[in-house]
Amino acid sequence: MTTRVIANKTVAVNDEGFMINPAEWTKEIAVELAKEESLPELTPEHWKVIEFCRKDGLTSGKAPTLRRITSTAGVTTKEMFALFPKGPAKKVARISGLGKPEGCV
């Protein structure tokens, strides 16, 4: 475990850059992490998915998989890849301050 400063807040992260403690997450951190993932702007559609993942992840104790997001949040797989290109479940989990979803490489 290491720490890093994101949006002027020191947070604990693992060796892959995922936040360890979801309680340290803020919307400002999400914006900065999104920029690191080549998403310069988070639209209302992005926030819908992020907020679903936060709620689901905090309830279950783990980041939701792509299948769970698409079957529960009302977002299609195609929309997920448009919103979060190249590994949408992994990207949205990182931006949402959650751990890496199960099954992600």
N, C-alpha and C. Protein backbone atom coordinates (compact mmCIF):
# COMPACT_ATOMS: atom_id res chain seq x y z
N MET A 1 0.84 -1.18 0.00
CA MET A 1 0.00 0.00 0.00
C MET A 1 0.88 1.24 0.00
N THR A 2 0.46 2.21 -0.78
CA THR A 2 1.13 3.50 -0.80
C THR A 2 0.08 4.59 -0.70
N THR A 3 0.54 5.81 -0.60
CA THR A 3 -0.40 6.93 -0.62
C THR A 3 -0.03 7.84 -1.77
N ARG A 4 -1.00 8.59 -2.21
CA ARG A 4 -0.75 9.61 -3.21
C ARG A 4 -1.74 10.73 -3.03
N VAL A 5 -1.38 11.88 -3.54
CA VAL A 5 -2.25 13.05 -3.44
C VAL A 5 -3.05 13.17 -4.73
N ILE A 6 -4.37 13.17 -4.57
CA ILE A 6 -5.28 13.34 -5.70
C ILE A 6 -6.26 14.44 -5.31
N ALA A 7 -6.37 15.46 -6.13
CA ALA A 7 -7.26 16.60 -5.86
C ALA A 7 -6.99 17.18 -4.47
N ASN A 8 -5.72 17.34 -4.14
CA ASN A 8 -5.29 17.92 -2.86
C ASN A 8 -5.66 17.10 -1.63
N LYS A 9 -5.92 15.82 -1.82
CA LYS A 9 -6.24 14.93 -0.69
C LYS A 9 -5.33 13.71 -0.76
N THR A 10 -4.73 13.35 0.36
CA THR A 10 -3.88 12.17 0.42
C THR A 10 -4.75 10.94 0.64
N VAL A 11 -4.62 9.97 -0.26
CA VAL A 11 -5.43 8.74 -0.18
C VAL A 11 -4.53 7.52 -0.31
N ALA A 12 -4.98 6.41 0.25
CA ALA A 12 -4.26 5.14 0.14
C ALA A 12 -4.66 4.45 -1.16
N VAL A 13 -3.65 3.97 -1.90
CA VAL A 13 -3.90 3.25 -3.15
C VAL A 13 -3.07 1.97 -3.17
N ASN A 14 -3.53 1.02 -3.98
CA ASN A 14 -2.75 -0.21 -4.14
C ASN A 14 -1.76 -0.03 -5.29
N ASP A 15 -1.03 -1.08 -5.62
CA ASP A 15 0.01 -0.97 -6.64
C ASP A 15 -0.54 -0.74 -8.05
N GLU A 16 -1.85 -0.94 -8.24
CA GLU A 16 -2.46 -0.67 -9.55
C GLU A 16 -3.16 0.68 -9.60
N GLY A 17 -3.08 1.44 -8.50
CA GLY A 17 -3.67 2.77 -8.48
C GLY A 17 -5.12 2.83 -8.04
N PHE A 18 -5.67 1.72 -7.58
CA PHE A 18 -7.04 1.71 -7.08
C PHE A 18 -7.04 2.17 -5.63
N MET A 19 -7.99 3.01 -5.28
CA MET A 19 -8.11 3.45 -3.90
C MET A 19 -8.45 2.27 -3.01
N ILE A 20 -7.88 2.24 -1.83
CA ILE A 20 -8.09 1.15 -0.89
C ILE A 20 -9.29 1.41 0.01
N ASN A 21 -9.48 2.67 0.39
CA ASN A 21 -10.57 3.03 1.29
C ASN A 21 -11.60 3.88 0.54
N PRO A 22 -12.75 3.30 0.15
CA PRO A 22 -13.76 4.07 -0.59
C PRO A 22 -14.27 5.30 0.16
N ALA A 23 -14.12 5.32 1.49
CA ALA A 23 -14.58 6.47 2.27
C ALA A 23 -13.73 7.71 2.01
N GLU A 24 -12.53 7.55 1.46
CA GLU A 24 -11.66 8.69 1.16
C GLU A 24 -12.05 9.37 -0.15
N TRP A 25 -12.92 8.76 -0.92
CA TRP A 25 -13.31 9.25 -2.25
C TRP A 25 -14.12 10.52 -2.16
N THR A 26 -13.91 11.41 -3.13
CA THR A 26 -14.74 12.61 -3.30
C THR A 26 -15.01 12.78 -4.79
N LYS A 27 -15.97 13.62 -5.11
CA LYS A 27 -16.25 13.89 -6.53
C LYS A 27 -15.06 14.57 -7.20
N GLU A 28 -14.33 15.37 -6.44
CA GLU A 28 -13.14 16.03 -6.99
C GLU A 28 -12.07 14.99 -7.34
N ILE A 29 -11.93 13.98 -6.51
CA ILE A 29 -11.00 12.89 -6.82
C ILE A 29 -11.45 12.17 -8.08
N ALA A 30 -12.76 11.93 -8.21
CA ALA A 30 -13.28 11.26 -9.41
C ALA A 30 -12.92 12.03 -10.67
N VAL A 31 -13.05 13.34 -10.62
CA VAL A 31 -12.73 14.18 -11.78
C VAL A 31 -11.26 14.02 -12.16
N GLU A 32 -10.37 14.03 -11.16
CA GLU A 32 -8.94 13.89 -11.43
C GLU A 32 -8.60 12.50 -11.96
N LEU A 33 -9.20 11.45 -11.36
CA LEU A 33 -8.95 10.09 -11.84
C LEU A 33 -9.48 9.91 -13.26
N ALA A 34 -10.59 10.54 -13.57
CA ALA A 34 -11.14 10.46 -14.92
C ALA A 34 -10.17 11.06 -15.93
N LYS A 35 -9.57 12.18 -15.57
CA LYS A 35 -8.58 12.81 -16.46
C LYS A 35 -7.41 11.86 -16.70
N GLU A 36 -6.99 11.15 -15.65
CA GLU A 36 -5.89 10.18 -15.80
C GLU A 36 -6.30 9.03 -16.72
N GLU A 37 -7.60 8.76 -16.80
CA GLU A 37 -8.11 7.69 -17.66
C GLU A 37 -8.52 8.22 -19.03
N SER A 38 -8.03 9.40 -19.39
CA SER A 38 -8.30 10.04 -20.69
C SER A 38 -9.76 10.42 -20.87
N LEU A 39 -10.41 10.77 -19.78
CA LEU A 39 -11.80 11.28 -19.83
C LEU A 39 -11.77 12.71 -19.29
N PRO A 40 -11.61 13.69 -20.18
CA PRO A 40 -11.43 15.07 -19.72
C PRO A 40 -12.66 15.68 -19.06
N GLU A 41 -13.85 15.12 -19.35
CA GLU A 41 -15.08 15.68 -18.78
C GLU A 41 -16.01 14.54 -18.39
N LEU A 42 -16.61 14.65 -17.21
CA LEU A 42 -17.61 13.68 -16.78
C LEU A 42 -18.99 14.27 -17.00
N THR A 43 -19.75 13.63 -17.88
CA THR A 43 -21.10 14.08 -18.22
C THR A 43 -22.11 13.51 -17.22
N PRO A 44 -23.36 13.96 -17.28
CA PRO A 44 -24.38 13.37 -16.41
C PRO A 44 -24.50 11.85 -16.60
N GLU A 45 -24.25 11.36 -17.81
CA GLU A 45 -24.30 9.91 -18.06
C GLU A 45 -23.17 9.19 -17.32
N HIS A 46 -21.97 9.81 -17.31
CA HIS A 46 -20.86 9.25 -16.54
C HIS A 46 -21.23 9.19 -15.06
N TRP A 47 -21.76 10.30 -14.54
CA TRP A 47 -22.09 10.36 -13.12
C TRP A 47 -23.17 9.35 -12.74
N LYS A 48 -24.10 9.09 -13.65
CA LYS A 48 -25.13 8.08 -13.38
C LYS A 48 -24.48 6.73 -13.10
N VAL A 49 -23.51 6.36 -13.93
CA VAL A 49 -22.82 5.08 -13.76
C VAL A 49 -21.93 5.10 -12.51
N ILE A 50 -21.21 6.19 -12.31
CA ILE A 50 -20.33 6.31 -11.14
C ILE A 50 -21.14 6.21 -9.85
N GLU A 51 -22.24 6.92 -9.79
CA GLU A 51 -23.07 6.89 -8.58
C GLU A 51 -23.68 5.50 -8.35
N PHE A 52 -24.09 4.82 -9.44
CA PHE A 52 -24.57 3.45 -9.28
C PHE A 52 -23.46 2.57 -8.71
N CYS A 53 -22.27 2.67 -9.27
CA CYS A 53 -21.16 1.84 -8.82
C CYS A 53 -20.80 2.12 -7.37
N ARG A 54 -20.80 3.38 -6.97
CA ARG A 54 -20.52 3.74 -5.58
C ARG A 54 -21.54 3.08 -4.66
N LYS A 55 -22.80 3.24 -4.98
CA LYS A 55 -23.86 2.69 -4.13
C LYS A 55 -23.78 1.16 -4.08
N ASP A 56 -23.64 0.55 -5.24
CA ASP A 56 -23.58 -0.91 -5.31
C ASP A 56 -22.31 -1.44 -4.62
N GLY A 57 -21.19 -0.78 -4.87
CA GLY A 57 -19.93 -1.22 -4.28
C GLY A 57 -19.89 -1.09 -2.77
N LEU A 58 -20.47 -0.02 -2.25
CA LEU A 58 -20.48 0.17 -0.80
C LEU A 58 -21.44 -0.82 -0.13
N THR A 59 -22.50 -1.21 -0.85
CA THR A 59 -23.45 -2.18 -0.31
C THR A 59 -22.86 -3.59 -0.31
N SER A 60 -22.24 -3.97 -1.43
CA SER A 60 -21.74 -5.34 -1.59
C SER A 60 -20.31 -5.53 -1.07
N GLY A 61 -19.57 -4.44 -0.95
CA GLY A 61 -18.18 -4.54 -0.51
C GLY A 61 -17.20 -4.79 -1.63
N LYS A 62 -17.68 -4.75 -2.88
CA LYS A 62 -16.78 -4.93 -4.02
C LYS A 62 -17.33 -4.17 -5.22
N ALA A 63 -16.44 -3.84 -6.14
CA ALA A 63 -16.84 -3.11 -7.34
C ALA A 63 -17.72 -3.98 -8.22
N PRO A 64 -18.78 -3.41 -8.79
CA PRO A 64 -19.64 -4.21 -9.66
C PRO A 64 -18.94 -4.56 -10.97
N THR A 65 -19.29 -5.72 -11.49
CA THR A 65 -18.76 -6.16 -12.78
C THR A 65 -19.51 -5.44 -13.90
N LEU A 66 -18.99 -5.52 -15.10
CA LEU A 66 -19.65 -4.92 -16.25
C LEU A 66 -21.05 -5.50 -16.41
N ARG A 67 -21.19 -6.79 -16.25
CA ARG A 67 -22.49 -7.44 -16.38
C ARG A 67 -23.48 -6.87 -15.36
N ARG A 68 -23.02 -6.71 -14.13
CA ARG A 68 -23.91 -6.17 -13.08
C ARG A 68 -24.33 -4.74 -13.41
N ILE A 69 -23.39 -3.94 -13.88
CA ILE A 69 -23.70 -2.55 -14.23
C ILE A 69 -24.73 -2.52 -15.35
N THR A 70 -24.49 -3.28 -16.42
CA THR A 70 -25.39 -3.22 -17.57
C THR A 70 -26.75 -3.84 -17.29
N SER A 71 -26.82 -4.81 -16.38
CA SER A 71 -28.11 -5.44 -16.09
C SER A 71 -28.90 -4.71 -15.01
N THR A 72 -28.24 -3.83 -14.26
CA THR A 72 -28.92 -3.20 -13.13
C THR A 72 -29.02 -1.68 -13.25
N ALA A 73 -28.06 -1.04 -13.87
CA ALA A 73 -28.03 0.43 -13.89
C ALA A 73 -28.75 1.04 -15.08
N GLY A 74 -29.27 0.22 -15.99
CA GLY A 74 -29.97 0.76 -17.15
C GLY A 74 -29.06 1.34 -18.20
N VAL A 75 -27.85 0.81 -18.30
CA VAL A 75 -26.87 1.25 -19.29
C VAL A 75 -26.46 0.03 -20.10
N THR A 76 -26.45 0.15 -21.41
CA THR A 76 -26.07 -0.99 -22.25
C THR A 76 -24.56 -1.15 -22.28
N THR A 77 -24.12 -2.32 -22.71
CA THR A 77 -22.69 -2.57 -22.85
C THR A 77 -22.09 -1.58 -23.85
N LYS A 78 -22.79 -1.34 -24.93
CA LYS A 78 -22.31 -0.39 -25.95
C LYS A 78 -22.14 1.01 -25.34
N GLU A 79 -23.10 1.44 -24.54
CA GLU A 79 -23.00 2.75 -23.88
C GLU A 79 -21.83 2.79 -22.91
N MET A 80 -21.62 1.68 -22.18
CA MET A 80 -20.49 1.63 -21.24
C MET A 80 -19.17 1.81 -21.96
N PHE A 81 -19.01 1.13 -23.11
CA PHE A 81 -17.76 1.25 -23.86
C PHE A 81 -17.62 2.65 -24.47
N ALA A 82 -18.73 3.31 -24.77
CA ALA A 82 -18.67 4.68 -25.28
C ALA A 82 -18.29 5.65 -24.16
N LEU A 83 -18.84 5.43 -22.97
CA LEU A 83 -18.55 6.31 -21.84
C LEU A 83 -17.16 6.08 -21.26
N PHE A 84 -16.77 4.81 -21.14
CA PHE A 84 -15.50 4.43 -20.51
C PHE A 84 -14.75 3.46 -21.45
N PRO A 85 -14.15 3.99 -22.53
CA PRO A 85 -13.52 3.13 -23.53
C PRO A 85 -12.38 2.27 -22.96
N LYS A 86 -12.19 1.12 -23.59
CA LYS A 86 -11.07 0.22 -23.27
C LYS A 86 -11.06 -0.22 -21.81
N GLY A 87 -11.99 -1.05 -21.46
CA GLY A 87 -12.06 -1.57 -20.10
C GLY A 87 -12.99 -0.79 -19.20
N PRO A 88 -14.27 -0.69 -19.56
CA PRO A 88 -15.18 0.18 -18.82
C PRO A 88 -15.36 -0.17 -17.35
N ALA A 89 -15.48 -1.43 -16.99
CA ALA A 89 -15.71 -1.79 -15.59
C ALA A 89 -14.51 -1.40 -14.73
N LYS A 90 -13.32 -1.65 -15.25
CA LYS A 90 -12.10 -1.32 -14.51
C LYS A 90 -11.96 0.20 -14.36
N LYS A 91 -12.22 0.94 -15.44
CA LYS A 91 -12.10 2.40 -15.39
C LYS A 91 -13.11 3.01 -14.43
N VAL A 92 -14.36 2.58 -14.53
CA VAL A 92 -15.38 3.19 -13.68
C VAL A 92 -15.14 2.81 -12.22
N ALA A 93 -14.63 1.62 -11.96
CA ALA A 93 -14.32 1.23 -10.58
C ALA A 93 -13.22 2.13 -10.01
N ARG A 94 -12.20 2.37 -10.80
CA ARG A 94 -11.09 3.23 -10.34
C ARG A 94 -11.58 4.65 -10.10
N ILE A 95 -12.36 5.20 -11.03
CA ILE A 95 -12.90 6.55 -10.90
C ILE A 95 -13.86 6.65 -9.71
N SER A 96 -14.55 5.56 -9.42
CA SER A 96 -15.53 5.53 -8.33
C SER A 96 -14.89 5.29 -6.96
N GLY A 97 -13.58 5.10 -6.94
CA GLY A 97 -12.88 4.89 -5.67
C GLY A 97 -13.05 3.50 -5.11
N LEU A 98 -13.34 2.55 -5.98
CA LEU A 98 -13.54 1.15 -5.56
C LEU A 98 -12.37 0.30 -6.02
N GLY A 99 -12.28 -0.91 -5.54
CA GLY A 99 -11.24 -1.83 -5.98
C GLY A 99 -11.51 -2.35 -7.38
N LYS A 100 -10.56 -3.06 -7.91
CA LYS A 100 -10.71 -3.65 -9.24
C LYS A 100 -11.82 -4.70 -9.23
N PRO A 101 -12.73 -4.66 -10.22
CA PRO A 101 -13.81 -5.64 -10.26
C PRO A 101 -13.27 -7.06 -10.46
N GLU A 102 -13.99 -8.03 -9.93
CA GLU A 102 -13.60 -9.43 -10.12
C GLU A 102 -13.65 -9.76 -11.61
N GLY A 103 -12.70 -10.52 -12.07
CA GLY A 103 -12.67 -10.93 -13.46
C GLY A 103 -11.92 -9.97 -14.37
N CYS A 104 -11.53 -8.80 -13.88
CA CYS A 104 -10.77 -7.85 -14.71
C CYS A 104 -9.30 -8.22 -14.64
N VAL A 105 -8.64 -8.13 -15.78
CA VAL A 105 -7.23 -8.47 -15.86
C VAL A 105 -6.40 -7.24 -15.51
